[in-house]
Protein backbone atom coordinates (compact mmCIF):
# COMPACT_ATOMS: atom_id res chain seq x y z
CA MET A 1 -39.95 12.29 95.08
CA LYS A 2 -40.46 8.63 96.01
CA GLU A 3 -43.94 8.72 94.49
CA SER A 4 -42.54 10.17 91.22
CA ILE A 5 -39.87 7.46 91.03
CA LYS A 6 -42.51 4.79 91.67
CA ILE A 7 -44.76 6.16 88.89
CA PHE A 8 -41.84 6.39 86.45
CA SER A 9 -40.73 2.83 87.23
CA GLN A 10 -44.26 1.62 86.46
CA ASP A 11 -44.22 3.57 83.19
CA LEU A 12 -40.81 2.06 82.36
CA LYS A 13 -42.11 -1.44 83.07
CA SER A 14 -45.08 -0.82 80.75
CA SER A 15 -42.73 0.50 78.03
CA PHE A 16 -40.61 -2.65 78.09
CA LYS A 17 -43.81 -4.71 77.88
CA ASP A 18 -44.90 -2.66 74.84
CA LEU A 19 -41.55 -3.30 73.11
CA LEU A 20 -41.62 -7.04 73.78
CA PRO A 21 -43.59 -7.90 70.57
CA ILE A 22 -40.97 -6.10 68.42
CA ILE A 23 -38.14 -7.98 70.15
CA ILE A 24 -39.93 -11.31 69.63
CA VAL A 25 -40.56 -10.61 65.91
CA VAL A 26 -36.97 -9.53 65.25
CA ALA A 27 -35.53 -12.49 67.20
CA PHE A 28 -37.83 -14.95 65.42
CA PHE A 29 -36.85 -13.80 61.92
CA GLN A 30 -33.15 -13.55 62.77
CA ILE A 31 -32.93 -16.99 64.36
CA PHE A 32 -35.39 -19.10 62.35
CA ILE A 33 -35.64 -17.38 58.95
CA ILE A 34 -32.39 -15.48 58.35
CA GLN A 35 -30.53 -17.96 60.61
CA ALA A 36 -27.89 -15.42 61.60
CA MET A 37 -27.46 -13.08 64.54
CA PRO A 38 -27.19 -9.36 63.72
CA GLU A 39 -23.66 -7.95 63.84
CA ASN A 40 -24.62 -5.01 66.04
CA LEU A 41 -26.45 -6.99 68.76
CA THR A 42 -25.11 -4.82 71.63
CA SER A 43 -26.21 -1.64 69.86
CA ILE A 44 -29.67 -3.13 69.32
CA VAL A 45 -30.08 -4.00 73.01
CA ILE A 46 -28.89 -0.54 74.11
CA GLY A 47 -31.13 1.13 71.52
CA LEU A 48 -34.26 -0.72 72.63
CA THR A 49 -33.50 0.15 76.27
CA ILE A 50 -33.27 3.83 75.32
CA VAL A 51 -36.55 3.50 73.40
CA ALA A 52 -38.26 2.14 76.54
CA ILE A 53 -36.94 5.04 78.65
CA GLY A 54 -38.06 7.50 75.98
CA LEU A 55 -41.57 6.02 75.89
CA ALA A 56 -41.89 6.24 79.68
CA LEU A 57 -40.76 9.90 79.71
CA PHE A 58 -43.02 10.76 76.78
CA ILE A 59 -46.21 9.32 78.28
CA ARG A 60 -45.58 10.92 81.68
CA GLY A 61 -44.89 14.26 79.95
CA LEU A 62 -48.18 14.05 78.05
CA GLU A 63 -50.10 13.54 81.30
CA LEU A 64 -48.34 16.48 82.98
CA GLY A 65 -48.10 18.97 80.11
CA ILE A 66 -49.72 18.41 76.71
CA PHE A 67 -53.12 16.99 77.73
CA PRO A 68 -53.87 19.67 80.40
CA ILE A 69 -52.85 22.67 78.30
CA GLY A 70 -54.76 21.40 75.24
CA GLU A 71 -57.97 20.78 77.17
CA ASN A 72 -57.73 24.08 79.09
CA LEU A 73 -57.25 26.01 75.85
CA ALA A 74 -60.33 24.38 74.33
CA ILE A 75 -62.40 25.20 77.42
CA ASP A 76 -61.17 28.82 77.44
CA PHE A 77 -62.01 29.22 73.74
CA ALA A 78 -65.50 27.82 74.35
CA LYS A 79 -66.02 30.33 77.19
CA LYS A 80 -64.70 33.17 75.05
CA GLY A 81 -67.35 32.37 72.46
CA SER A 82 -65.30 33.49 69.45
CA VAL A 83 -65.70 30.99 66.62
CA PHE A 84 -63.22 32.90 64.43
CA TRP A 85 -60.32 32.69 66.90
CA LEU A 86 -61.07 29.06 67.73
CA LEU A 87 -61.07 28.04 64.06
CA LEU A 88 -57.93 30.10 63.40
CA PHE A 89 -56.23 28.35 66.33
CA ALA A 90 -57.30 24.96 64.98
CA PHE A 91 -55.99 25.78 61.49
CA THR A 92 -52.71 27.16 62.82
CA ILE A 93 -52.09 24.10 65.02
CA GLY A 94 -52.74 21.78 62.08
CA PHE A 95 -50.57 23.74 59.64
CA SER A 96 -47.62 24.47 61.93
CA THR A 97 -47.28 20.95 63.30
CA THR A 98 -47.53 19.31 59.88
CA VAL A 99 -44.92 21.53 58.20
CA ALA A 100 -42.39 20.39 60.81
CA GLU A 101 -43.44 16.70 60.79
CA PRO A 102 -40.25 14.59 60.25
CA ALA A 103 -42.15 11.68 58.65
CA LEU A 104 -43.71 14.04 56.07
CA ILE A 105 -40.34 15.66 55.33
CA ALA A 106 -38.81 12.20 54.73
CA ILE A 107 -41.67 11.09 52.45
CA ALA A 108 -41.66 14.42 50.51
CA ASP A 109 -37.90 14.23 49.94
CA LYS A 110 -38.19 10.64 48.72
CA ALA A 111 -41.07 11.55 46.39
CA SER A 112 -39.02 14.43 44.93
CA VAL A 113 -35.97 12.23 44.32
CA ILE A 114 -37.90 9.27 42.91
CA SER A 115 -39.99 11.50 40.58
CA GLY A 116 -36.85 13.19 39.24
CA GLY A 117 -37.92 16.54 40.72
CA LEU A 118 -41.37 16.70 39.11
CA VAL A 119 -42.95 16.49 42.57
CA ASP A 120 -41.47 19.39 44.51
CA ALA A 121 -40.77 18.48 48.16
CA PHE A 122 -41.50 22.00 49.49
CA TRP A 123 -44.82 22.45 47.68
CA LEU A 124 -45.88 18.93 48.55
CA ARG A 125 -45.29 19.72 52.24
CA MET A 126 -47.18 23.02 51.91
CA THR A 127 -50.10 21.24 50.24
CA VAL A 128 -50.29 18.61 52.98
CA ALA A 129 -49.85 21.18 55.78
CA PHE A 130 -52.63 23.41 54.37
CA SER A 131 -54.92 20.39 54.04
CA VAL A 132 -54.30 19.38 57.68
CA GLY A 133 -54.91 22.94 58.91
CA PHE A 134 -58.16 22.97 56.93
CA ALA A 135 -59.06 19.54 58.35
CA ILE A 136 -58.57 20.48 62.01
CA ALA A 137 -60.58 23.68 61.50
CA LEU A 138 -63.39 21.76 59.76
CA GLY A 139 -63.37 19.09 62.47
CA THR A 140 -63.57 21.78 65.16
CA LEU A 141 -66.51 23.40 63.37
CA ARG A 142 -68.24 20.00 63.30
CA ILE A 143 -67.94 19.74 67.10
CA LEU A 144 -69.38 23.27 67.49
CA LEU A 145 -72.31 22.45 65.20
CA GLY A 146 -72.86 19.00 66.72
CA HIS A 147 -73.03 17.21 63.37
CA PRO A 148 -72.46 13.42 63.27
CA ILE A 149 -68.90 12.75 62.11
CA GLN A 150 -69.82 9.95 59.69
CA TYR A 151 -71.52 12.35 57.26
CA TYR A 152 -68.29 14.31 56.87
CA ILE A 153 -65.99 11.28 56.71
CA ILE A 154 -68.11 9.31 54.26
CA SER A 155 -68.42 12.37 51.99
CA GLY A 156 -64.64 12.75 52.21
CA TYR A 157 -63.99 9.11 51.25
CA ILE A 158 -66.34 9.41 48.28
CA LEU A 159 -64.44 12.53 47.18
CA VAL A 160 -61.09 10.69 47.58
CA VAL A 161 -62.34 7.90 45.33
CA LEU A 162 -63.73 10.30 42.70
CA VAL A 163 -60.50 12.32 42.52
CA THR A 164 -58.51 9.08 42.21
CA PHE A 165 -60.01 8.42 38.77
CA PHE A 166 -58.61 11.74 37.52
CA ALA A 167 -55.26 11.72 39.33
CA PRO A 168 -52.07 10.51 37.56
CA LYS A 169 -51.07 7.00 38.63
CA GLU A 170 -47.67 8.31 39.82
CA ILE A 171 -49.31 10.42 42.56
CA ILE A 172 -52.04 8.07 43.86
CA GLY A 173 -49.92 5.94 46.22
CA LEU A 174 -48.09 9.03 47.48
CA ALA A 175 -51.41 10.83 48.11
CA TYR A 176 -52.82 7.89 50.04
CA ASP A 177 -49.61 7.67 52.11
CA SER A 178 -49.62 11.41 52.87
CA GLY A 179 -52.85 10.91 54.83
CA GLY A 180 -51.00 8.57 57.17
CA VAL A 181 -47.86 10.58 57.88
CA THR A 182 -49.47 13.88 58.91
CA THR A 183 -50.41 12.95 62.46
CA SER A 184 -47.26 13.11 64.54
CA THR A 185 -46.44 11.80 67.99
CA VAL A 186 -46.99 15.23 69.57
CA THR A 187 -49.79 16.49 67.30
CA VAL A 188 -52.10 13.54 68.06
CA PRO A 189 -52.32 14.04 71.85
CA LEU A 190 -52.69 17.83 71.49
CA VAL A 191 -55.42 17.59 68.84
CA ALA A 192 -57.21 14.88 70.85
CA ALA A 193 -57.06 17.09 73.94
CA LEU A 194 -58.47 20.01 71.93
CA GLY A 195 -61.42 17.95 70.66
CA ILE A 196 -62.21 16.35 74.02
CA GLY A 197 -61.87 19.65 75.90
CA LEU A 198 -64.18 21.40 73.44
CA ALA A 199 -66.81 18.63 73.54
CA SER A 200 -66.66 18.57 77.36
CA SER A 201 -67.27 22.31 77.65
CA ILE A 202 -70.22 22.61 75.23
CA LYS A 203 -73.66 21.71 76.54
CA GLY A 204 -75.23 18.76 74.73
CA ARG A 205 -71.93 17.33 73.45
CA ASN A 206 -70.60 13.91 74.41
CA PRO A 207 -66.79 13.76 74.78
CA VAL A 208 -66.71 10.17 73.49
CA ILE A 209 -68.96 10.70 70.46
CA ASP A 210 -68.09 14.34 69.65
CA GLY A 211 -64.60 14.75 71.15
CA PHE A 212 -62.81 12.26 68.92
CA GLY A 213 -62.58 12.56 65.14
CA LEU A 214 -60.23 15.50 64.55
CA ILE A 215 -57.36 13.14 63.71
CA ALA A 216 -59.57 11.38 61.17
CA PHE A 217 -60.10 14.69 59.35
CA ALA A 218 -56.34 15.29 59.35
CA SER A 219 -55.76 11.87 57.74
CA LEU A 220 -58.46 12.27 55.10
CA THR A 221 -57.99 15.72 53.54
CA PRO A 222 -54.31 15.29 52.48
CA MET A 223 -55.37 12.42 50.20
CA ILE A 224 -57.71 14.80 48.35
CA PHE A 225 -55.38 17.81 48.27
CA VAL A 226 -52.28 15.85 47.17
CA GLN A 227 -54.17 14.17 44.32
CA VAL A 228 -55.38 17.59 43.14
CA TYR A 229 -51.77 18.83 43.44
CA GLY A 230 -50.67 15.85 41.32
CA ILE A 231 -53.28 16.60 38.66
CA ILE A 232 -51.99 20.19 38.41
CA VAL A 233 -48.28 19.22 38.44
CA TYR A 234 -48.57 16.44 35.88
CA SER A 235 -50.80 18.50 33.57
CA MET A 236 -48.35 21.47 33.62
CA GLY A 237 -45.05 19.52 33.75
CA ASP A 238 -43.60 17.04 31.32
CA ALA A 239 -43.73 13.66 33.05
CA THR A 240 -41.58 12.06 30.35
CA SER A 241 -38.73 14.51 31.00
CA ALA A 242 -38.52 13.60 34.68
CA VAL A 243 -35.90 10.94 35.27
CA PRO A 244 -37.04 8.62 38.08
CA LEU A 245 -33.99 8.07 40.23
CA PHE A 246 -35.06 4.73 41.68
CA SER A 247 -31.74 3.80 43.22
CA ALA A 248 -31.35 7.26 44.72
CA GLY A 249 -34.84 6.94 46.19
CA VAL A 250 -33.92 3.70 47.88
CA GLU A 251 -30.73 5.24 49.25
CA THR A 252 -32.82 8.09 50.62
CA THR A 253 -35.03 5.56 52.37
CA LYS A 254 -32.04 3.75 53.79
CA ALA A 255 -30.60 7.04 54.97
CA VAL A 256 -33.60 7.48 57.23
CA ILE A 257 -32.89 4.24 59.05
CA GLU A 258 -29.21 3.49 58.75
CA LEU A 259 -27.05 3.22 61.87
CA ARG A 260 -25.15 6.39 62.57
CA SER A 261 -22.22 7.19 64.80
CA PHE A 262 -23.45 9.02 67.88
CA SER A 263 -20.94 11.66 68.88
CA ILE A 264 -21.78 14.30 71.47
CA VAL A 265 -22.22 16.86 68.68
CA ASP A 266 -24.58 14.54 66.76
CA MET A 267 -26.65 13.88 69.88
CA PHE A 268 -26.90 17.61 70.63
CA LEU A 269 -27.96 18.35 67.04
CA GLU A 270 -30.54 15.56 67.26
CA LEU A 271 -31.98 17.11 70.42
CA LEU A 272 -32.10 20.53 68.73
CA GLY A 273 -33.94 18.88 65.84
CA VAL A 274 -36.62 17.53 68.18
CA ILE A 275 -36.96 20.94 69.85
CA LYS A 276 -37.27 22.55 66.40
CA ASP A 277 -40.05 20.10 65.47
CA ILE A 278 -42.01 20.84 68.65
CA ALA A 279 -41.29 24.62 68.74
CA PRO A 280 -44.06 25.60 66.24
CA ILE A 281 -46.64 23.83 68.41
CA LEU A 282 -45.46 25.61 71.57
CA ILE A 283 -45.32 29.01 69.83
CA VAL A 284 -48.92 28.62 68.61
CA ILE A 285 -50.17 27.41 72.02
CA PHE A 286 -48.57 30.20 74.07
CA PHE A 287 -49.41 32.91 71.52
CA PHE A 288 -53.10 32.07 71.63
CA GLN A 289 -53.00 31.56 75.41
CA TYR A 290 -51.49 34.96 76.22
CA ALA A 291 -52.41 37.13 73.20
CA ILE A 292 -55.94 35.92 72.44
CA ILE A 293 -57.29 34.21 75.57
CA LYS A 294 -55.25 36.68 77.67
CA LYS A 295 -54.88 34.32 80.60
CA SER A 296 -51.84 32.89 82.28
CA VAL A 297 -51.27 29.13 82.09
CA HIS A 298 -52.44 27.28 85.20
CA HIS A 299 -49.68 25.29 86.95
CA LEU A 300 -47.08 26.64 84.50
CA PRO A 301 -44.05 24.96 86.19
CA LYS A 302 -45.80 21.58 85.99
CA ILE A 303 -46.69 22.21 82.33
CA VAL A 304 -43.09 23.17 81.53
CA VAL A 305 -41.79 20.01 83.24
CA GLY A 306 -44.30 17.95 81.24
CA ILE A 307 -43.31 19.53 77.91
CA SER A 308 -39.61 19.04 78.75
CA MET A 309 -40.28 15.36 79.47
CA VAL A 310 -42.09 15.04 76.12
CA ILE A 311 -39.08 16.56 74.30
CA LEU A 312 -36.55 14.36 76.13
CA GLY A 313 -38.73 11.28 75.75
CA LEU A 314 -39.25 11.82 72.03
CA TYR A 315 -35.51 12.48 71.58
CA ALA A 316 -34.55 9.30 73.44
CA PHE A 317 -37.17 7.38 71.47
CA ILE A 318 -35.76 8.51 68.09
CA VAL A 319 -32.12 7.88 69.12
CA GLY A 320 -33.02 4.42 70.40
CA LEU A 321 -34.84 3.54 67.19
CA ASP A 322 -31.85 4.64 65.09
CA MET A 323 -29.49 2.54 67.22
CA GLY A 324 -31.62 -0.54 67.71
CA LEU A 325 -34.69 -1.17 65.59
CA PHE A 326 -34.27 0.44 62.18
CA PRO A 327 -30.93 -1.14 61.12
CA VAL A 328 -32.04 -4.67 61.94
CA GLY A 329 -35.51 -4.09 60.45
CA GLU A 330 -33.99 -2.88 57.17
CA SER A 331 -31.53 -5.80 56.97
CA ILE A 332 -34.35 -8.32 57.56
CA ALA A 333 -36.48 -6.68 54.83
CA ASN A 334 -33.59 -6.86 52.35
CA ASP A 335 -32.85 -10.51 53.23
CA LEU A 336 -36.48 -11.51 52.76
CA THR A 337 -36.75 -9.97 49.27
CA SER A 338 -33.76 -12.06 48.16
CA GLN A 339 -35.15 -15.39 49.50
CA ASP A 340 -37.75 -15.83 46.74
CA ASN A 341 -40.51 -16.70 49.24
CA ASN A 342 -43.40 -14.25 49.14
CA LEU A 343 -45.16 -15.83 52.13
CA LEU A 344 -42.22 -14.77 54.32
CA ILE A 345 -42.63 -11.18 53.11
CA TYR A 346 -46.34 -11.23 54.01
CA LEU A 347 -45.61 -12.81 57.38
CA PHE A 348 -42.93 -10.22 58.13
CA GLY A 349 -45.31 -7.42 57.10
CA PHE A 350 -48.01 -8.80 59.41
CA MET A 351 -45.76 -9.34 62.42
CA ILE A 352 -43.79 -6.10 62.13
CA GLY A 353 -47.07 -4.20 61.60
CA PHE A 354 -48.56 -5.65 64.78
CA SER A 355 -45.45 -5.25 66.94
CA THR A 356 -44.55 -1.69 65.90
CA THR A 357 -48.14 -0.51 66.35
CA MET A 358 -48.21 -1.86 69.89
CA ALA A 359 -45.16 0.34 70.62
CA GLU A 360 -46.51 3.44 68.80
CA PRO A 361 -46.52 6.40 71.23
CA ALA A 362 -49.36 8.24 69.46
CA LEU A 363 -51.65 5.19 69.70
CA LEU A 364 -50.73 4.68 73.35
CA ALA A 365 -51.62 8.31 74.11
CA ILE A 366 -55.01 8.02 72.37
CA ALA A 367 -55.78 4.67 74.00
CA ILE A 368 -55.14 6.12 77.47
CA LYS A 369 -57.46 9.03 76.67
CA VAL A 370 -60.17 6.73 75.26
CA GLN A 371 -60.14 4.58 78.42
CA ASP A 372 -60.29 7.70 80.59
CA ILE A 373 -63.13 9.40 78.68
CA SER A 374 -65.17 6.17 78.30
CA GLU A 375 -64.78 5.59 82.07
CA GLY A 376 -63.15 2.21 81.47
CA MET A 377 -65.81 0.94 79.06
CA ILE A 378 -63.15 0.70 76.32
CA LYS A 379 -59.95 -0.82 77.69
CA GLN A 380 -56.74 0.72 76.36
CA ASN A 381 -54.95 -2.62 75.93
CA MET A 382 -57.82 -4.20 74.00
CA LEU A 383 -58.12 -1.12 71.75
CA ARG A 384 -54.39 -1.20 71.00
CA ILE A 385 -54.49 -4.93 70.18
CA VAL A 386 -57.45 -4.47 67.81
CA VAL A 387 -55.74 -1.49 66.11
CA ALA A 388 -52.43 -3.39 65.83
CA LEU A 389 -54.28 -6.32 64.24
CA GLY A 390 -55.72 -3.92 61.65
CA VAL A 391 -52.29 -2.50 60.83
CA ALA A 392 -50.84 -6.02 60.56
CA ILE A 393 -53.56 -7.11 58.11
CA GLY A 394 -53.18 -3.85 56.17
CA ILE A 395 -49.40 -4.08 55.72
CA SER A 396 -49.46 -7.76 54.75
CA LEU A 397 -52.27 -7.13 52.24
CA GLY A 398 -50.40 -4.06 50.94
CA ALA A 399 -47.26 -6.18 50.49
CA TYR A 400 -49.33 -8.77 48.58
CA ARG A 401 -50.70 -6.01 46.33
CA LEU A 402 -47.18 -4.78 45.65
CA VAL A 403 -45.80 -8.26 44.88
CA GLU A 404 -48.72 -9.02 42.55
CA GLY A 405 -48.49 -5.59 40.88
CA ASP A 406 -52.20 -4.74 41.25
CA PRO A 407 -53.31 -1.08 41.07
CA ILE A 408 -53.58 0.33 44.60
CA HIS A 409 -56.84 2.21 44.16
CA TYR A 410 -58.90 -0.98 43.70
CA TYR A 411 -57.86 -2.14 47.16
CA ILE A 412 -58.29 1.28 48.78
CA ILE A 413 -61.71 1.84 47.20
CA ALA A 414 -62.88 -1.58 48.40
CA GLY A 415 -61.51 -0.81 51.88
CA TYR A 416 -63.25 2.55 52.12
CA SER A 417 -66.49 0.97 50.88
CA LEU A 418 -66.25 -1.53 53.75
CA VAL A 419 -65.59 1.31 56.22
CA ILE A 420 -68.72 3.11 54.99
CA ILE A 421 -70.83 -0.07 55.34
CA LEU A 422 -69.52 -0.81 58.86
CA THR A 423 -70.25 2.80 59.89
CA TYR A 424 -73.98 2.11 59.61
CA PHE A 425 -73.76 -0.92 61.92
CA ALA A 426 -71.13 0.23 64.45
CA PRO A 427 -72.16 1.74 67.83
CA LYS A 428 -72.11 5.55 67.82
CA HIS A 429 -69.46 5.82 70.51
CA ILE A 430 -66.96 3.68 68.60
CA ILE A 431 -67.19 5.44 65.18
CA PRO A 432 -65.11 8.59 65.90
CA ILE A 433 -62.52 6.51 67.80
CA ALA A 434 -62.28 4.07 64.88
CA TYR A 435 -61.81 6.92 62.40
CA ASP A 436 -59.07 8.44 64.59
CA THR A 437 -57.14 5.17 64.89
CA GLY A 438 -56.44 5.32 61.15
CA GLY A 439 -54.31 8.41 61.75
CA VAL A 440 -52.46 7.46 64.92
CA THR A 441 -51.07 4.14 63.73
CA THR A 442 -48.60 5.60 61.25
CA SER A 443 -46.17 7.73 63.20
CA THR A 444 -42.65 7.62 64.68
CA VAL A 445 -42.08 3.85 64.67
CA THR A 446 -44.14 2.59 61.77
CA VAL A 447 -43.59 5.09 58.92
CA PRO A 448 -39.82 4.64 58.30
CA LEU A 449 -39.98 0.84 58.49
CA VAL A 450 -43.06 0.56 56.27
CA ALA A 451 -41.74 3.09 53.74
CA ALA A 452 -38.44 1.20 53.55
CA LEU A 453 -40.25 -2.12 53.06
CA GLY A 454 -42.48 -0.74 50.28
CA ILE A 455 -39.74 0.96 48.26
CA GLY A 456 -37.36 -1.95 48.89
CA LEU A 457 -39.90 -4.45 47.49
CA ALA A 458 -40.73 -2.23 44.51
CA THR A 459 -37.03 -1.90 43.70
CA ASN A 460 -36.15 -5.59 44.00
CA ILE A 461 -39.18 -7.05 42.19
CA ASP A 462 -39.01 -7.04 38.38
CA GLY A 463 -41.60 -4.90 36.66
CA ARG A 464 -42.34 -2.70 39.67
CA ASN A 465 -41.94 1.09 39.65
CA PRO A 466 -40.81 2.56 43.02
CA LEU A 467 -42.77 5.77 42.37
CA ILE A 468 -46.03 4.01 41.43
CA ASP A 469 -45.76 0.81 43.50
CA GLY A 470 -43.33 1.74 46.32
CA PHE A 471 -45.73 4.10 48.07
CA GLY A 472 -49.06 2.95 49.48
CA LEU A 473 -48.23 0.59 52.36
CA ILE A 474 -48.79 3.42 54.86
CA ALA A 475 -52.26 3.92 53.37
CA PHE A 476 -53.08 0.25 54.03
CA ALA A 477 -51.77 0.63 57.59
CA SER A 478 -54.10 3.63 58.09
CA LEU A 479 -57.19 2.07 56.52
CA PHE A 480 -57.56 -1.35 58.13
CA PRO A 481 -57.54 -0.27 61.82
CA MET A 482 -60.80 1.58 61.13
CA ILE A 483 -62.31 -1.69 59.92
CA THR A 484 -61.05 -3.81 62.83
CA VAL A 485 -62.04 -1.24 65.50
CA MET A 486 -65.58 -0.89 64.13
CA GLY A 487 -65.78 -4.68 63.82
CA TYR A 488 -64.72 -4.93 67.46
CA GLY A 489 -67.37 -2.36 68.43
CA ILE A 490 -70.11 -4.26 66.58
CA HIS A 491 -69.05 -7.55 68.23
CA ALA A 492 -68.90 -5.98 71.71
CA GLU A 493 -72.37 -4.46 71.26
CA TYR A 494 -73.75 -7.82 70.11
CA LYS A 495 -72.25 -9.62 73.13
CA LYS A 496 -73.65 -6.95 75.43
CA LYS A 497 -77.17 -7.44 74.04
CA GLN A 498 -76.82 -11.23 74.37
CA LEU A 499 -75.87 -10.88 78.05
CA GLU A 500 -78.81 -8.53 78.63
CA LYS A 501 -81.18 -11.14 77.14
CA VAL A 502 -79.73 -13.84 79.40
CA GLY A 503 -80.12 -11.51 82.40
CA LYS A 504 -83.79 -11.04 81.67
């Protein structure tokens, strides 16, 4: 018991350290830029404390429950030798987790409202969920075949760019964003565990090179599928008859992040909501474990405790964000758009991008796994800093694009071209990790804040269309970490060779 308390206290200390950048950013803008203290300061402090507790519970739960069961399932499937059941499991995990993803539901609802109903929220979610299921299955097949990941990813990016030239402009930003909201806080660790477990159990596979990359597939395919969906919808429907409800779209965005009263009933319903989001994942896992693999789960009580900690941690995390971070983040974004100083908007985008990414649970989970699998060669803190820097650059550049009114696809095409070029120079072990970081940066913390910033800017700037210009910031936040991580890998490899020359 004493050992458990000691471990949890260390996790709690780390969580507060992870939240420190967000606190510094918010305090800086409130004191020096807005020059006013937020009205709900007590609520903010309490909320951030709850977030820290939630993060600590979540990470400990992953270590106890999600990582072990995911890796054991992958190993059991490899031993079973049935490609069909393995691919079906991969597809089902991808589909079931994406359908229930809260960030996707929020984005789909906003897209439906802003497009005046032309984009149907349900069918958009189905399209994205099917694409993610397909992606996880394809990524699993790649591990089985032992193909280099870059051939698949580069082909996918080329296809994204080609489809963009045929897709209606109203769907492009939404399609790019949908690639960033599919990888949830729970899906990422489970999918990573599946890939690493599979690569570890197949002879000739390297867990670092072959085990990562599934998340990259899940971030890429929705961009293709949603653009194709948009081509079909806008060719069959009458775009001129759809009334874009811009103000309603902004209210929908604000509804995601506004401060709510937290009665006992509300808190219970919130907990049930988290359980409902995680339930499809658990149903799929235990169905395949008992009905297909036909084996009992090793250390079941420990696994159950771990899953319970994940649920409670994620619940506390969401409640804390609603109480503390989102209201103040939204008010700062609104104040900045009214100050007529674009540099402040870019600075806020950079700083909030960096600070929220450092606190992103999905990235933290992946970074821990990367350090473990690479045997300490890639440090988790350094990886998180490099990824956070990429998100910061991406959001600030995306905000600049929005303010200037430039078409999004020119920026995205240039970004993907740079990713393709860097792929040829980056060390092999860093490429799959870099691709995966694009999907783990846009999750629980980042998506609502970034979506609110994008639609808020598009609504308050003359000549901007919230449907065309408001979406797309999430795509920037997903793209640039791939560039910074590969750049970091190239630099580290260069320094290593320089040291080897000196040693000789």
